[in-house]
Each structure stands twice: as structure tokens, then as C-alpha cells.
């Protein structure tokens, strides 16, 4: 159980030859891996550019809390009380 038999080694070598056999397969795998990393870095850089340029904010809308110009305020007469 501790060591591998000849059949185990034959199977391991066959799988290794299937995966990495032929000429240039390892270099093709590494080239594809490098292209994937470059695409990933490019995608991250594009995300940073969009976050760096925030959208222009809408003009702020303000509400005037003074009621001097409203018709309801000018129609009602001002009441004054005398202390006494």
C-alpha cells in the first residue's frame, strides 16, 4: 500500500502524456494562461477608469421656505394682540 505498483506508474505516465504530450502543448498552455491574465488585468484597469470618472451630479434643487410671495400669506390680514 505504501508504494505505487507498476500499473499505477503506467496510468500516471499515460495521463501525463495525454495532457502534456505532443510538441509545444505546455508552451501553448502557458501562452493561453498568460493571455488570460492580461485580459483580467485589462478588465480591472477599465473598471478603475470608470470609477475614477464619476458622473456629473444633477444641479441641486432648493426649496424656498419663505412664504412671502404666496397668495395665502398676503390674503390673510395680520392679527395683533394687545396685552392688557
PDB file of N, CA and C in Angstrom:
ATOM      1  N   UNK A   1       0.809  -1.195   0.000  1.00  0.00           N
ATOM      2  CA  UNK A   1       0.000   0.000   0.000  1.00  0.00           C
ATOM      3  C   UNK A   1       0.854   1.260   0.000  1.00  0.00           C
ATOM      4  N   UNK A   2       2.025   1.230   0.605  1.00  0.00           N
ATOM      5  CA  UNK A   2       2.841   2.421   0.753  1.00  0.00           C
ATOM      6  C   UNK A   2       3.440   2.895  -0.557  1.00  0.00           C
ATOM      7  N   UNK A   3       3.817   1.945  -1.438  1.00  0.00           N
ATOM      8  CA  UNK A   3       4.427   2.370  -2.702  1.00  0.00           C
ATOM      9  C   UNK A   3       3.468   2.084  -3.853  1.00  0.00           C
ATOM     10  N   UNK A   4       3.750   2.720  -4.949  1.00  0.00           N
ATOM     11  CA  UNK A   4       2.888   2.553  -6.115  1.00  0.00           C
ATOM     12  C   UNK A   4       3.418   1.386  -6.952  1.00  0.00           C
ATOM     13  N   UNK A   5       2.494   0.616  -7.481  1.00  0.00           N
ATOM     14  CA  UNK A   5       2.894  -0.521  -8.314  1.00  0.00           C
ATOM     15  C   UNK A   5       3.194  -0.040  -9.733  1.00  0.00           C
ATOM     16  N   UNK A   6       3.603  -0.962 -10.566  1.00  0.00           N
ATOM     17  CA  UNK A   6       3.943  -0.644 -11.945  1.00  0.00           C
ATOM     18  C   UNK A   6       2.715  -0.155 -12.697  1.00  0.00           C
ATOM     19  N   UNK A   7       1.544  -0.710 -12.411  1.00  0.00           N
ATOM     20  CA  UNK A   7       0.320  -0.292 -13.079  1.00  0.00           C
ATOM     21  C   UNK A   7      -0.028   1.166 -12.741  1.00  0.00           C
ATOM     22  N   UNK A   8       0.192   1.538 -11.496  1.00  0.00           N
ATOM     23  CA  UNK A   8      -0.048   2.939 -11.119  1.00  0.00           C
ATOM     24  C   UNK A   8       0.836   3.885 -11.913  1.00  0.00           C
ATOM     25  N   UNK A   9       2.119   3.532 -12.048  1.00  0.00           N
ATOM     26  CA  UNK A   9       3.048   4.384 -12.774  1.00  0.00           C
ATOM     27  C   UNK A   9       2.696   4.453 -14.259  1.00  0.00           C
ATOM     28  N   UNK A  10       2.234   3.339 -14.834  1.00  0.00           N
ATOM     29  CA  UNK A  10       1.843   3.326 -16.241  1.00  0.00           C
ATOM     30  C   UNK A  10       0.644   4.252 -16.459  1.00  0.00           C
ATOM     31  N   UNK A  11      -0.333   4.189 -15.558  1.00  0.00           N
ATOM     32  CA  UNK A  11      -1.521   5.043 -15.677  1.00  0.00           C
ATOM     33  C   UNK A  11      -1.139   6.509 -15.523  1.00  0.00           C
ATOM     34  N   UNK A  12      -0.289   6.820 -14.548  1.00  0.00           N
ATOM     35  CA  UNK A  12       0.143   8.203 -14.338  1.00  0.00           C
ATOM     36  C   UNK A  12       0.895   8.721 -15.556  1.00  0.00           C
ATOM     37  N   UNK A  13       1.770   7.921 -16.121  1.00  0.00           N
ATOM     38  CA  UNK A  13       2.509   8.340 -17.316  1.00  0.00           C
ATOM     39  C   UNK A  13       1.579   8.502 -18.517  1.00  0.00           C
ATOM     40  N   UNK A  14       0.586   7.636 -18.654  1.00  0.00           N
ATOM     41  CA  UNK A  14      -0.351   7.756 -19.779  1.00  0.00           C
ATOM     42  C   UNK A  14      -1.165   9.048 -19.670  1.00  0.00           C
ATOM     43  N   UNK A  15      -1.628   9.353 -18.472  1.00  0.00           N
ATOM     44  CA  UNK A  15      -2.390  10.591 -18.277  1.00  0.00           C
ATOM     45  C   UNK A  15      -1.492  11.800 -18.538  1.00  0.00           C
ATOM     46  N   UNK A  16      -0.261  11.742 -18.062  1.00  0.00           N
ATOM     47  CA  UNK A  16       0.687  12.835 -18.303  1.00  0.00           C
ATOM     48  C   UNK A  16       0.960  13.040 -19.778  1.00  0.00           C
ATOM     49  N   UNK A  17       1.093  11.937 -20.530  1.00  0.00           N
ATOM     50  CA  UNK A  17       1.326  12.055 -21.970  1.00  0.00           C
ATOM     51  C   UNK A  17       0.094  12.604 -22.686  1.00  0.00           C
ATOM     52  N   UNK A  18      -1.094  12.219 -22.234  1.00  0.00           N
ATOM     53  CA  UNK A  18      -2.303  12.751 -22.850  1.00  0.00           C
ATOM     54  C   UNK A  18      -2.436  14.254 -22.617  1.00  0.00           C
ATOM     55  N   UNK A  19      -2.124  14.685 -21.395  1.00  0.00           N
ATOM     56  CA  UNK A  19      -2.260  16.103 -21.073  1.00  0.00           C
ATOM     57  C   UNK A  19      -1.163  16.948 -21.684  1.00  0.00           C
ATOM     58  N   UNK A  20       0.068  16.505 -21.550  1.00  0.00           N
ATOM     59  CA  UNK A  20       1.207  17.331 -21.949  1.00  0.00           C
ATOM     60  C   UNK A  20       1.962  16.780 -23.149  1.00  0.00           C
ATOM     61  N   UNK A  21       1.473  15.713 -23.753  1.00  0.00           N
ATOM     62  CA  UNK A  21       2.166  15.101 -24.886  1.00  0.00           C
ATOM     63  C   UNK A  21       2.104  15.961 -26.132  1.00  0.00           C
ATOM     64  N   UNK A  22       2.868  15.577 -27.104  1.00  0.00           N
ATOM     65  CA  UNK A  22       2.908  16.347 -28.341  1.00  0.00           C
ATOM     66  C   UNK A  22       3.882  17.501 -28.213  1.00  0.00           C
ATOM     67  N   UNK A  23       4.148  18.118 -29.341  1.00  0.00           N
ATOM     68  CA  UNK A  23       5.135  19.192 -29.260  1.00  0.00           C
ATOM     69  C   UNK A  23       4.448  20.530 -28.983  1.00  0.00           C
ATOM     70  N   UNK A  24       4.966  21.240 -28.052  1.00  0.00           N
ATOM     71  CA  UNK A  24       4.530  22.592 -27.777  1.00  0.00           C
ATOM     72  C   UNK A  24       3.251  22.730 -26.977  1.00  0.00           C
ATOM     73  N   UNK A  25       2.732  21.625 -26.429  1.00  0.00           N
ATOM     74  CA  UNK A  25       1.480  21.750 -25.686  1.00  0.00           C
ATOM     75  C   UNK A  25       1.664  22.550 -24.402  1.00  0.00           C
ATOM     76  N   UNK A  26       2.761  22.342 -23.712  1.00  0.00           N
ATOM     77  CA  UNK A  26       2.992  23.081 -22.468  1.00  0.00           C
ATOM     78  C   UNK A  26       3.158  24.564 -22.761  1.00  0.00           C
ATOM     79  N   UNK A  27       3.891  24.880 -23.808  1.00  0.00           N
ATOM     80  CA  UNK A  27       4.084  26.293 -24.146  1.00  0.00           C
ATOM     81  C   UNK A  27       2.766  26.925 -24.599  1.00  0.00           C
ATOM     82  N   UNK A  28       1.913  26.165 -25.289  1.00  0.00           N
ATOM     83  CA  UNK A  28       0.599  26.687 -25.673  1.00  0.00           C
ATOM     84  C   UNK A  28      -0.260  26.937 -24.437  1.00  0.00           C
ATOM     85  N   UNK A  29      -0.207  26.004 -23.497  1.00  0.00           N
ATOM     86  CA  UNK A  29      -0.972  26.174 -22.256  1.00  0.00           C
ATOM     87  C   UNK A  29      -0.510  27.417 -21.505  1.00  0.00           C
ATOM     88  N   UNK A  30       0.794  27.608 -21.417  1.00  0.00           N
ATOM     89  CA  UNK A  30       1.324  28.772 -20.700  1.00  0.00           C
ATOM     90  C   UNK A  30       0.990  30.059 -21.453  1.00  0.00           C
ATOM     91  N   UNK A  31       0.998  30.016 -22.780  1.00  0.00           N
ATOM     92  CA  UNK A  31       0.631  31.199 -23.565  1.00  0.00           C
ATOM     93  C   UNK A  31      -0.831  31.566 -23.362  1.00  0.00           C
ATOM     94  N   UNK A  32      -1.703  30.560 -23.348  1.00  0.00           N
ATOM     95  CA  UNK A  32      -3.121  30.820 -23.095  1.00  0.00           C
ATOM     96  C   UNK A  32      -3.339  31.352 -21.686  1.00  0.00           C
ATOM     97  N   UNK A  33      -2.585  30.808 -20.741  1.00  0.00           N
ATOM     98  CA  UNK A  33      -2.685  31.261 -19.350  1.00  0.00           C
ATOM     99  C   UNK A  33      -2.254  32.730 -19.244  1.00  0.00           C
ATOM    100  N   UNK A  34      -1.165  33.079 -19.932  1.00  0.00           N
ATOM    101  CA  UNK A  34      -0.685  34.470 -19.906  1.00  0.00           C
ATOM    102  C   UNK A  34      -1.693  35.413 -20.555  1.00  0.00           C
ATOM    103  N   UNK A  35      -2.341  34.974 -21.643  1.00  0.00           N
ATOM    104  CA  UNK A  35      -3.362  35.811 -22.290  1.00  0.00           C
ATOM    105  C   UNK A  35      -4.544  36.044 -21.349  1.00  0.00           C
ATOM    106  N   UNK A  36      -4.895  35.004 -20.611  1.00  0.00           N
ATOM    107  CA  UNK A  36      -5.991  35.147 -19.651  1.00  0.00           C
ATOM    108  C   UNK A  36      -5.661  36.144 -18.560  1.00  0.00           C
ATOM    109  N   UNK A  37      -4.442  36.104 -18.055  1.00  0.00           N
ATOM    110  CA  UNK A  37      -4.023  37.043 -17.010  1.00  0.00           C
ATOM    111  C   UNK A  37      -4.016  38.476 -17.555  1.00  0.00           C
ATOM    112  N   UNK A  38      -3.525  38.661 -18.776  1.00  0.00           N
ATOM    113  CA  UNK A  38      -3.503  40.001 -19.371  1.00  0.00           C
ATOM    114  C   UNK A  38      -4.911  40.545 -19.563  1.00  0.00           C
ATOM    115  N   UNK A  39      -5.821  39.681 -20.004  1.00  0.00           N
ATOM    116  CA  UNK A  39      -7.214  40.124 -20.177  1.00  0.00           C
ATOM    117  C   UNK A  39      -7.835  40.498 -18.839  1.00  0.00           C
ATOM    118  N   UNK A  40      -7.519  39.741 -17.803  1.00  0.00           N
ATOM    119  CA  UNK A  40      -8.027  40.027 -16.464  1.00  0.00           C
ATOM    120  C   UNK A  40      -7.514  41.373 -15.967  1.00  0.00           C
ATOM    121  N   UNK A  41      -6.238  41.631 -16.136  1.00  0.00           N
ATOM    122  CA  UNK A  41      -5.662  42.906 -15.702  1.00  0.00           C
ATOM    123  C   UNK A  41      -6.248  44.071 -16.500  1.00  0.00           C
ATOM    124  N   UNK A  42      -6.477  43.851 -17.785  1.00  0.00           N
ATOM    125  CA  UNK A  42      -7.069  44.903 -18.618  1.00  0.00           C
ATOM    126  C   UNK A  42      -8.489  45.214 -18.152  1.00  0.00           C
ATOM    127  N   UNK A  43      -9.238  44.185 -17.795  1.00  0.00           N
ATOM    128  CA  UNK A  43     -10.592  44.390 -17.285  1.00  0.00           C
ATOM    129  C   UNK A  43     -10.599  45.158 -15.980  1.00  0.00           C
ATOM    130  N   UNK A  44      -9.650  44.855 -15.102  1.00  0.00           N
ATOM    131  CA  UNK A  44      -9.551  45.591 -13.839  1.00  0.00           C
ATOM    132  C   UNK A  44      -9.182  47.050 -14.082  1.00  0.00           C
ATOM    133  N   UNK A  45      -8.296  47.296 -15.034  1.00  0.00           N
ATOM    134  CA  UNK A  45      -7.884  48.669 -15.335  1.00  0.00           C
ATOM    135  C   UNK A  45      -9.061  49.463 -15.897  1.00  0.00           C
ATOM    136  N   UNK A  46      -9.904  48.843 -16.710  1.00  0.00           N
ATOM    137  CA  UNK A  46     -11.072  49.540 -17.260  1.00  0.00           C
ATOM    138  C   UNK A  46     -12.071  49.871 -16.160  1.00  0.00           C
ATOM    139  N   UNK A  47     -12.226  48.981 -15.173  1.00  0.00           N
ATOM    140  CA  UNK A  47     -13.121  49.256 -14.054  1.00  0.00           C
ATOM    141  C   UNK A  47     -12.613  50.435 -13.232  1.00  0.00           C
ATOM    142  N   UNK A  48     -11.302  50.531 -13.044  1.00  0.00           N
ATOM    143  CA  UNK A  48     -10.734  51.641 -12.281  1.00  0.00           C
ATOM    144  C   UNK A  48     -10.964  52.965 -12.999  1.00  0.00           C
ATOM    145  N   UNK A  49     -10.894  52.964 -14.326  1.00  0.00           N
ATOM    146  CA  UNK A  49     -11.095  54.201 -15.080  1.00  0.00           C
ATOM    147  C   UNK A  49     -12.530  54.693 -14.942  1.00  0.00           C
ATOM    148  N   UNK A  50     -13.485  53.788 -14.950  1.00  0.00           N
ATOM    149  CA  UNK A  50     -14.878  54.220 -14.837  1.00  0.00           C
ATOM    150  C   UNK A  50     -15.183  54.728 -13.440  1.00  0.00           C
ATOM    151  N   UNK A  51     -14.545  54.170 -12.419  1.00  0.00           N
ATOM    152  CA  UNK A  51     -14.752  54.659 -11.059  1.00  0.00           C
ATOM    153  C   UNK A  51     -14.044  55.983 -10.833  1.00  0.00           C
ATOM    154  N   UNK A  52     -12.942  56.227 -11.545  1.00  0.00           N
ATOM    155  CA  UNK A  52     -12.188  57.465 -11.375  1.00  0.00           C
ATOM    156  C   UNK A  52     -12.938  58.658 -11.959  1.00  0.00           C
ATOM    157  N   UNK A  53     -13.777  58.428 -12.950  1.00  0.00           N
ATOM    158  CA  UNK A  53     -14.535  59.499 -13.578  1.00  0.00           C
ATOM    159  C   UNK A  53     -15.990  59.418 -13.114  1.00  0.00           C
ATOM    160  N   UNK A  54     -16.333  60.060 -12.006  1.00  0.00           N
ATOM    161  CA  UNK A  54     -17.715  59.978 -11.538  1.00  0.00           C
ATOM    162  C   UNK A  54     -18.651  60.751 -12.464  1.00  0.00           C
ATOM    163  N   UNK A  55     -19.884  60.360 -12.464  1.00  0.00           N
ATOM    164  CA  UNK A  55     -20.874  61.041 -13.295  1.00  0.00           C
ATOM    165  C   UNK A  55     -21.109  62.448 -12.765  1.00  0.00           C
ATOM    166  N   UNK A  56     -21.460  63.356 -13.670  1.00  0.00           N
ATOM    167  CA  UNK A  56     -21.713  64.733 -13.258  1.00  0.00           C
ATOM    168  C   UNK A  56     -22.987  64.768 -12.425  1.00  0.00           C
ATOM    169  N   UNK A  57     -22.929  65.394 -11.272  1.00  0.00           N
ATOM    170  CA  UNK A  57     -24.137  65.424 -10.435  1.00  0.00           C
ATOM    171  C   UNK A  57     -25.184  66.349 -11.033  1.00  0.00           C
ATOM    172  N   UNK A  58     -26.436  66.030 -10.773  1.00  0.00           N
ATOM    173  CA  UNK A  58     -27.531  66.886 -11.220  1.00  0.00           C
ATOM    174  C   UNK A  58     -27.497  68.185 -10.437  1.00  0.00           C
ATOM    175  N   UNK A  59     -27.951  69.275 -11.039  1.00  0.00           N
ATOM    176  CA  UNK A  59     -27.984  70.523 -10.280  1.00  0.00           C
ATOM    177  C   UNK A  59     -28.894  70.355  -9.060  1.00  0.00           C
ATOM    178  N   UNK A  60     -28.455  70.924  -7.975  1.00  0.00           N
ATOM    179  CA  UNK A  60     -29.211  70.791  -6.735  1.00  0.00           C
ATOM    180  C   UNK A  60     -30.504  71.591  -6.807  1.00  0.00           C
ATOM    181  N   UNK A  61     -31.564  71.003  -6.348  1.00  0.00           N
ATOM    182  CA  UNK A  61     -32.847  71.691  -6.308  1.00  0.00           C
ATOM    183  C   UNK A  61     -33.042  72.213  -4.895  1.00  0.00           C
ATOM    184  N   UNK A  62     -33.370  73.464  -4.795  1.00  0.00           N
ATOM    185  CA  UNK A  62     -33.575  74.050  -3.477  1.00  0.00           C
ATOM    186  C   UNK A  62     -35.030  74.419  -3.304  1.00  0.00           C
ATOM    187  N   UNK A  63     -35.477  74.401  -2.085  1.00  0.00           N
ATOM    188  CA  UNK A  63     -36.852  74.773  -1.759  1.00  0.00           C
ATOM    189  C   UNK A  63     -36.797  76.038  -0.925  1.00  0.00           C
ATOM    190  N   UNK A  64     -37.542  77.044  -1.349  1.00  0.00           N
ATOM    191  CA  UNK A  64     -37.582  78.293  -0.617  1.00  0.00           C
ATOM    192  C   UNK A  64     -38.644  78.162   0.476  1.00  0.00           C
ATOM    193  N   UNK A  65     -38.232  78.286   1.719  1.00  0.00           N
ATOM    194  CA  UNK A  65     -39.141  78.094   2.836  1.00  0.00           C
ATOM    195  C   UNK A  65     -39.868  79.373   3.248  1.00  0.00           C
ATOM    196  N   UNK A  66     -39.593  80.454   2.599  1.00  0.00           N
ATOM    197  CA  UNK A  66     -40.259  81.709   2.942  1.00  0.00           C
ATOM    198  C   UNK A  66     -41.576  81.790   2.183  1.00  0.00           C
ATOM    199  N   UNK A  67     -42.622  82.223   2.862  1.00  0.00           N
ATOM    200  CA  UNK A  67     -43.951  82.258   2.247  1.00  0.00           C
ATOM    201  C   UNK A  67     -44.397  83.691   1.947  1.00  0.00           C
ATOM    202  N   UNK A  68     -43.471  84.586   1.727  1.00  0.00           N
ATOM    203  CA  UNK A  68     -43.839  85.977   1.499  1.00  0.00           C
ATOM    204  C   UNK A  68     -44.545  86.166   0.162  1.00  0.00           C
ATOM    205  N   UNK A  69     -44.184  85.415  -0.818  1.00  0.00           N
ATOM    206  CA  UNK A  69     -44.746  85.629  -2.137  1.00  0.00           C
ATOM    207  C   UNK A  69     -45.975  84.792  -2.421  1.00  0.00           C
ATOM    208  N   UNK A  70     -46.438  83.986  -1.500  1.00  0.00           N
ATOM    209  CA  UNK A  70     -47.582  83.126  -1.784  1.00  0.00           C
ATOM    210  C   UNK A  70     -48.878  83.898  -1.598  1.00  0.00           C
ATOM    211  N   UNK A  71     -49.921  83.576  -2.344  1.00  0.00           N
ATOM    212  CA  UNK A  71     -51.190  84.293  -2.232  1.00  0.00           C
ATOM    213  C   UNK A  71     -51.870  84.064  -0.889  1.00  0.00           C
ATOM    214  N   UNK A  72     -51.698  82.935  -0.268  1.00  0.00           N
ATOM    215  CA  UNK A  72     -52.358  82.659   1.007  1.00  0.00           C
ATOM    216  C   UNK A  72     -51.829  83.570   2.106  1.00  0.00           C
ATOM    217  N   UNK A  73     -50.566  83.903   2.062  1.00  0.00           N
ATOM    218  CA  UNK A  73     -49.980  84.750   3.109  1.00  0.00           C
ATOM    219  C   UNK A  73     -50.426  86.207   2.957  1.00  0.00           C
ATOM    220  N   UNK A  74     -50.608  86.664   1.731  1.00  0.00           N
ATOM    221  CA  UNK A  74     -50.968  88.078   1.529  1.00  0.00           C
ATOM    222  C   UNK A  74     -52.471  88.283   1.706  1.00  0.00           C
ATOM    223  N   UNK A  75     -53.288  87.226   1.557  1.00  0.00           N
ATOM    224  CA  UNK A  75     -54.734  87.384   1.661  1.00  0.00           C
ATOM    225  C   UNK A  75     -55.210  87.468   3.113  1.00  0.00           C
ATOM    226  N   UNK A  76     -54.515  86.814   4.019  1.00  0.00           N
ATOM    227  CA  UNK A  76     -54.949  86.822   5.428  1.00  0.00           C
ATOM    228  C   UNK A  76     -54.379  88.061   6.111  1.00  0.00           C
ATOM    229  N   UNK A  77     -55.225  88.828   6.790  1.00  0.00           N
ATOM    230  CA  UNK A  77     -54.706  90.018   7.492  1.00  0.00           C
ATOM    231  C   UNK A  77     -53.906  89.583   8.722  1.00  0.00           C
ATOM    232  N   UNK A  78     -52.922  90.360   9.015  1.00  0.00           N
ATOM    233  CA  UNK A  78     -52.089  90.064  10.179  1.00  0.00           C
ATOM    234  C   UNK A  78     -52.821  90.459  11.440  1.00  0.00           C
ATOM    235  N   UNK A  79     -52.927  89.572  12.401  1.00  0.00           N
ATOM    236  CA  UNK A  79     -53.618  89.869  13.657  1.00  0.00           C
ATOM    237  C   UNK A  79     -52.589  90.253  14.695  1.00  0.00           C
ATOM    238  N   UNK A  80     -52.919  91.246  15.436  1.00  0.00           N
ATOM    239  CA  UNK A  80     -52.045  91.655  16.548  1.00  0.00           C
ATOM    240  C   UNK A  80     -52.858  91.611  17.826  1.00  0.00           C
ATOM    241  N   UNK A  81     -52.232  91.214  18.865  1.00  0.00           N
ATOM    242  CA  UNK A  81     -52.909  91.172  20.167  1.00  0.00           C
ATOM    243  C   UNK A  81     -52.294  92.211  21.084  1.00  0.00           C
ATOM    244  N   UNK A  82     -53.106  92.803  21.841  1.00  0.00           N
ATOM    245  CA  UNK A  82     -52.617  93.775  22.806  1.00  0.00           C
ATOM    246  C   UNK A  82     -52.628  93.126  24.163  1.00  0.00           C
ATOM    247  N   UNK A  83     -51.589  93.313  24.846  1.00  0.00           N
ATOM    248  CA  UNK A  83     -51.506  92.766  26.202  1.00  0.00           C
ATOM    249  C   UNK A  83     -52.226  93.705  27.138  1.00  0.00           C
ATOM    250  N   UNK A  84     -53.055  93.203  27.965  1.00  0.00           N
ATOM    251  CA  UNK A  84     -53.645  94.196  28.784  1.00  0.00           C
ATOM    252  C   UNK A  84     -54.699  93.888  29.645  1.00  0.00           C
TER     253      UNK A  84
END
